[in-house]
């Protein structure tokens, strides 16, 4: 049975570990390496996993998860200084390319991912790219790990992870902003703020659930948009003011910034 070591024990690592254990991974197969004693104690108490501050011990695991900030990875590679042949490295560090990781750790199996914050609730949407050194079994294990805390979408080219960033990596913030503005507008129309908030949140949840259960968003939107009705008035106003163009430009800006940040990590 594979053993897995997490380098870094922050919120995302904790979310992944929680998902893995819920999906059947025994805590005894999981080790977390973190220099912060409080962080180690929290993870040990919460998940029952082994914790340590000995970075070199991570090299003994079959799977090594890089759950640290991008700039820390270079120091991690230098301190580990171990032969990782046959190992699988799973990176959740934004912007650190496969080529950079191969330079640091050698020509080993590497999976680069782009998760998002709803992973903390088991509702993550994660993009995945795996290099040519990974076996089919290693690919399957990585996908299983990711699917333990949400959905996994594999991309055919590494650069498409920048598009994943624009859609789902940064995507939750777009919806947070829409929710903020709907609450603000509802309040300006006379509703108490708590009522506007409750109605907005339930509407967002209901709309997302309806789309996820079958019919396309275009179909559902058409059903509730009666000609010359109230919804039609709102949608027409959005389209007249370039709502679609605003979304497209924002996501393109996000993708472009992801590309720029990636270059600084190389």
Protein backbone atom coordinates (compact mmCIF):
# COMPACT_ATOMS: atom_id res chain seq x y z
CA UNK A 1 0.00 0.00 0.00
CA UNK A 2 1.38 3.41 -0.96
CA UNK A 3 2.53 5.79 1.71
CA UNK A 4 2.16 9.51 1.17
CA UNK A 5 4.04 12.45 2.67
CA UNK A 6 2.76 16.01 2.65
CA UNK A 7 5.40 18.71 2.75
CA UNK A 8 3.43 21.55 4.29
CA UNK A 9 0.41 21.17 6.55
CA UNK A 10 -1.72 24.21 5.73
CA UNK A 11 -5.43 24.43 4.96
CA UNK A 12 -5.24 22.86 1.51
CA UNK A 13 -3.15 19.96 2.77
CA UNK A 14 -5.63 19.43 5.58
CA UNK A 15 -8.52 19.46 3.09
CA UNK A 16 -6.82 16.86 0.90
CA UNK A 17 -5.97 14.66 3.87
CA UNK A 18 -9.55 14.84 5.13
CA UNK A 19 -10.86 13.81 1.72
CA UNK A 20 -8.37 10.96 1.43
CA UNK A 21 -9.26 9.53 4.83
CA UNK A 22 -12.98 9.82 4.06
CA UNK A 23 -12.38 7.89 0.83
CA UNK A 24 -10.59 5.04 2.59
CA UNK A 25 -6.95 6.01 3.12
CA UNK A 26 -5.70 4.85 6.53
CA UNK A 27 -4.18 7.70 8.58
CA UNK A 28 -1.19 5.43 9.24
CA UNK A 29 -0.24 5.76 5.56
CA UNK A 30 -0.08 9.55 5.75
CA UNK A 31 2.77 11.69 7.10
CA UNK A 32 2.87 15.47 7.26
CA UNK A 33 6.14 17.36 7.39
CA UNK A 34 5.84 20.88 8.77
CA UNK A 35 8.23 23.07 10.82
CA UNK A 36 5.36 24.52 12.87
CA UNK A 37 4.71 22.47 16.02
CA UNK A 38 1.18 23.86 16.49
CA UNK A 39 0.34 22.94 12.90
CA UNK A 40 1.62 19.41 13.44
CA UNK A 41 -0.34 19.00 16.66
CA UNK A 42 -3.52 20.22 14.99
CA UNK A 43 -3.22 17.81 12.07
CA UNK A 44 -2.35 14.87 14.32
CA UNK A 45 -5.38 15.58 16.52
CA UNK A 46 -7.75 16.25 13.63
CA UNK A 47 -6.77 13.42 11.31
CA UNK A 48 -4.70 10.97 13.33
CA UNK A 49 -1.80 11.18 10.88
CA UNK A 50 1.92 11.02 11.63
CA UNK A 51 3.60 14.41 11.81
CA UNK A 52 7.25 15.42 11.85
CA UNK A 53 9.59 18.31 11.17
CA UNK A 54 12.13 15.98 9.49
CA UNK A 55 12.03 16.87 5.82
CA UNK A 56 14.36 14.05 4.81
CA UNK A 57 11.81 11.49 6.00
CA UNK A 58 9.45 12.51 3.19
CA UNK A 59 11.73 10.85 0.66
CA UNK A 60 10.75 7.44 2.06
CA UNK A 61 7.14 7.87 0.93
CA UNK A 62 5.82 6.61 -2.40
CA UNK A 63 3.96 9.86 -3.05
CA UNK A 64 5.28 13.28 -2.04
CA UNK A 65 2.82 16.19 -2.02
CA UNK A 66 4.33 19.65 -2.36
CA UNK A 67 1.81 21.70 -0.37
CA UNK A 68 4.02 24.73 0.22
CA UNK A 69 4.31 28.16 -1.36
CA UNK A 70 6.09 28.18 -4.73
CA UNK A 71 9.19 29.96 -3.47
CA UNK A 72 9.65 27.35 -0.71
CA UNK A 73 9.88 24.44 -3.17
CA UNK A 74 13.46 25.34 -4.14
CA UNK A 75 14.59 25.12 -0.52
CA UNK A 76 12.67 21.86 -0.07
CA UNK A 77 14.43 20.26 -3.04
CA UNK A 78 17.84 21.34 -1.75
CA UNK A 79 17.20 20.02 1.77
CA UNK A 80 15.75 16.70 0.62
CA UNK A 81 18.62 15.96 -1.76
CA UNK A 82 17.45 12.37 -2.26
CA UNK A 83 17.05 9.92 -5.12
CA UNK A 84 13.33 9.97 -5.87
CA UNK A 85 13.38 7.37 -8.65
CA UNK A 86 10.07 5.52 -8.74
CA UNK A 87 8.37 8.14 -6.57
CA UNK A 88 5.43 10.34 -7.54
CA UNK A 89 5.50 14.06 -6.82
CA UNK A 90 2.16 15.82 -6.58
CA UNK A 91 2.44 19.61 -6.65
CA UNK A 92 -0.30 22.05 -5.70
CA UNK A 93 2.05 25.03 -5.93
CA UNK A 94 0.78 27.63 -8.38
CA UNK A 95 3.05 28.60 -11.25
CA UNK A 96 5.82 26.03 -10.73
CA UNK A 97 6.10 24.19 -14.04
CA UNK A 98 6.81 20.53 -14.68
CA UNK A 99 10.15 21.53 -16.25
CA UNK A 100 11.17 23.39 -13.09
CA UNK A 101 10.10 20.49 -10.89
CA UNK A 102 12.06 18.04 -13.05
CA UNK A 103 15.14 20.25 -12.76
CA UNK A 104 14.75 20.21 -8.98
CA UNK A 105 13.77 16.59 -8.36
CA UNK A 106 14.93 14.75 -11.47
CA UNK A 107 13.10 12.91 -14.27
CA UNK A 108 10.48 11.37 -11.99
CA UNK A 109 6.70 11.08 -12.17
CA UNK A 110 5.22 14.52 -11.51
CA UNK A 111 1.59 15.59 -11.31
CA UNK A 112 0.87 19.31 -11.32
CA UNK A 113 -2.53 20.42 -10.08
CA UNK A 114 -4.58 23.57 -9.74
CA UNK A 115 -7.13 23.10 -6.92
CA UNK A 116 -9.47 25.76 -5.55
CA UNK A 117 -10.63 26.75 -2.09
CA UNK A 118 -13.97 24.88 -2.06
CA UNK A 119 -11.77 21.80 -1.66
CA UNK A 120 -11.90 22.77 2.03
CA UNK A 121 -15.56 21.65 1.94
CA UNK A 122 -15.01 18.62 -0.27
CA UNK A 123 -16.35 20.59 -3.23
CA UNK A 124 -13.10 21.29 -5.04
CA UNK A 125 -12.65 21.68 -8.79
CA UNK A 126 -9.10 20.73 -9.71
CA UNK A 127 -7.18 20.75 -12.99
CA UNK A 128 -4.51 18.07 -13.44
CA UNK A 129 -1.53 17.60 -15.74
CA UNK A 130 0.80 14.62 -15.41
CA UNK A 131 4.22 14.28 -17.05
CA UNK A 132 5.40 11.45 -19.30
CA UNK A 133 7.28 9.67 -16.51
CA UNK A 134 4.09 8.74 -14.63
CA UNK A 135 2.75 5.22 -15.00
CA UNK A 136 -0.94 4.47 -15.52
CA UNK A 137 -1.16 3.28 -11.92
CA UNK A 138 0.36 6.53 -10.66
CA UNK A 139 -2.05 8.55 -12.79
CA UNK A 140 -4.96 6.61 -11.34
CA UNK A 141 -3.75 7.14 -7.78
CA UNK A 142 -3.41 10.90 -8.32
CA UNK A 143 -6.87 11.15 -9.82
CA UNK A 144 -8.30 9.18 -6.91
CA UNK A 145 -6.67 11.52 -4.41
CA UNK A 146 -8.04 14.60 -6.16
CA UNK A 147 -11.54 13.13 -6.52
CA UNK A 148 -11.60 12.51 -2.77
CA UNK A 149 -12.13 16.27 -2.27
CA UNK A 150 -14.06 17.24 -5.42
CA UNK A 151 -13.90 16.79 -9.18
CA UNK A 152 -10.79 16.30 -11.31
CA UNK A 153 -10.36 17.53 -14.88
CA UNK A 154 -7.25 16.28 -16.70
CA UNK A 155 -5.80 18.60 -19.35
CA UNK A 156 -3.77 17.52 -22.38
CA UNK A 157 -1.26 20.38 -22.23
CA UNK A 158 0.38 21.90 -19.19
CA UNK A 159 -0.30 25.47 -20.35
CA UNK A 160 -4.04 24.75 -20.09
CA UNK A 161 -3.65 24.83 -16.32
CA UNK A 162 -3.54 28.62 -16.73
CA UNK A 163 -7.01 28.43 -18.27
CA UNK A 164 -8.08 26.20 -15.36
CA UNK A 165 -6.86 28.96 -13.05
CA UNK A 166 -9.09 31.45 -14.88
CA UNK A 167 -12.15 29.18 -14.67
CA UNK A 168 -12.01 27.39 -11.34
CA UNK A 169 -8.81 28.35 -9.53
CA UNK A 170 -9.86 31.98 -9.20
CA UNK A 171 -13.49 31.29 -10.05
CA UNK A 172 -14.90 31.19 -6.51
CA UNK A 173 -13.98 34.86 -6.11
CA UNK A 174 -16.11 35.77 -9.14
CA UNK A 175 -19.15 34.24 -7.50
CA UNK A 176 -18.31 35.85 -4.16
CA UNK A 177 -18.27 39.21 -5.93
CA UNK A 178 -21.60 38.51 -7.66
CA UNK A 179 -23.10 37.56 -4.30
CA UNK A 180 -21.74 40.75 -2.71
CA UNK A 181 -23.25 42.90 -5.45
CA UNK A 182 -26.64 41.15 -5.35
CA UNK A 183 -26.82 41.62 -1.58
CA UNK A 184 -25.85 45.27 -1.96
CA UNK A 185 -28.43 45.83 -4.70
CA UNK A 186 -31.16 44.03 -2.75
CA UNK A 187 -30.45 46.24 0.24
CA UNK A 188 -30.58 49.38 -1.89
CA UNK A 189 -33.99 48.23 -3.15
CA UNK A 190 -35.29 48.24 0.41
CA UNK A 191 -34.68 44.74 1.79
CA UNK A 192 -33.03 44.31 5.19
CA UNK A 193 -29.45 43.17 4.60
CA UNK A 194 -29.92 39.79 6.27
CA UNK A 195 -32.96 39.08 4.10
CA UNK A 196 -31.10 40.10 0.95
CA UNK A 197 -28.21 37.87 1.99
CA UNK A 198 -30.40 34.84 2.75
CA UNK A 199 -32.29 35.16 -0.53
CA UNK A 200 -29.10 35.66 -2.55
CA UNK A 201 -27.25 32.70 -1.05
CA UNK A 202 -30.18 30.31 -1.42
CA UNK A 203 -30.71 31.47 -5.00
CA UNK A 204 -27.04 30.88 -5.86
CA UNK A 205 -27.13 27.43 -4.29
CA UNK A 206 -30.40 26.54 -6.00
CA UNK A 207 -29.24 27.74 -9.43
CA UNK A 208 -25.94 25.83 -9.24
CA UNK A 209 -27.73 22.69 -8.09
CA UNK A 210 -30.24 22.88 -10.95
CA UNK A 211 -27.48 23.20 -13.54
CA UNK A 212 -25.51 20.34 -11.98
CA UNK A 213 -28.50 18.01 -12.13
CA UNK A 214 -29.15 18.02 -15.85
CA UNK A 215 -30.28 20.77 -18.20
CA UNK A 216 -27.81 23.30 -19.55
CA UNK A 217 -27.75 26.79 -18.10
CA UNK A 218 -28.99 28.23 -21.41
CA UNK A 219 -32.07 26.00 -21.27
CA UNK A 220 -32.82 26.80 -17.65
CA UNK A 221 -32.36 30.52 -18.26
CA UNK A 222 -34.76 30.45 -21.21
CA UNK A 223 -37.40 28.73 -19.08
CA UNK A 224 -37.46 31.50 -16.50
CA UNK A 225 -37.06 34.38 -18.95
CA UNK A 226 -40.55 35.16 -20.19
CA UNK A 227 -40.67 37.69 -23.07
CA UNK A 228 -41.00 41.21 -21.69
CA UNK A 229 -41.15 39.86 -18.14
CA UNK A 230 -39.16 40.83 -15.06
CA UNK A 231 -36.29 38.40 -15.66
CA UNK A 232 -36.12 39.46 -19.30
CA UNK A 233 -35.69 43.06 -18.18
CA UNK A 234 -32.79 42.13 -15.91
CA UNK A 235 -31.03 39.89 -18.45
CA UNK A 236 -31.46 42.45 -21.23
CA UNK A 237 -29.91 45.11 -19.00
CA UNK A 238 -26.93 42.85 -18.23
CA UNK A 239 -26.36 42.05 -21.89
CA UNK A 240 -26.74 45.68 -22.95
CA UNK A 241 -24.08 46.65 -20.42
CA UNK A 242 -21.65 44.01 -21.69
CA UNK A 243 -21.91 41.43 -18.92
CA UNK A 244 -20.51 38.62 -21.10
CA UNK A 245 -17.63 40.77 -22.27
CA UNK A 246 -16.79 41.75 -18.69
CA UNK A 247 -16.60 38.07 -17.68
CA UNK A 248 -14.50 37.14 -20.73
CA UNK A 249 -12.04 40.01 -20.18
CA UNK A 250 -11.73 39.21 -16.49
CA UNK A 251 -10.96 35.54 -17.12
CA UNK A 252 -8.47 36.40 -19.86
CA UNK A 253 -6.73 38.82 -17.48
CA UNK A 254 -6.60 36.05 -14.89
CA UNK A 255 -5.09 33.60 -17.39
CA UNK A 256 -2.52 36.15 -18.56
CA UNK A 257 -1.47 36.91 -15.00
CA UNK A 258 -1.11 33.19 -14.28
CA UNK A 259 1.24 32.93 -17.26
CA UNK A 260 3.30 35.88 -15.99
CA UNK A 261 3.56 34.46 -12.47
CA UNK A 262 4.57 31.10 -13.89
CA UNK A 263 7.50 32.70 -15.70
CA UNK A 264 8.78 34.26 -12.48
CA UNK A 265 8.92 30.84 -10.81
CA UNK A 266 11.06 29.26 -13.54
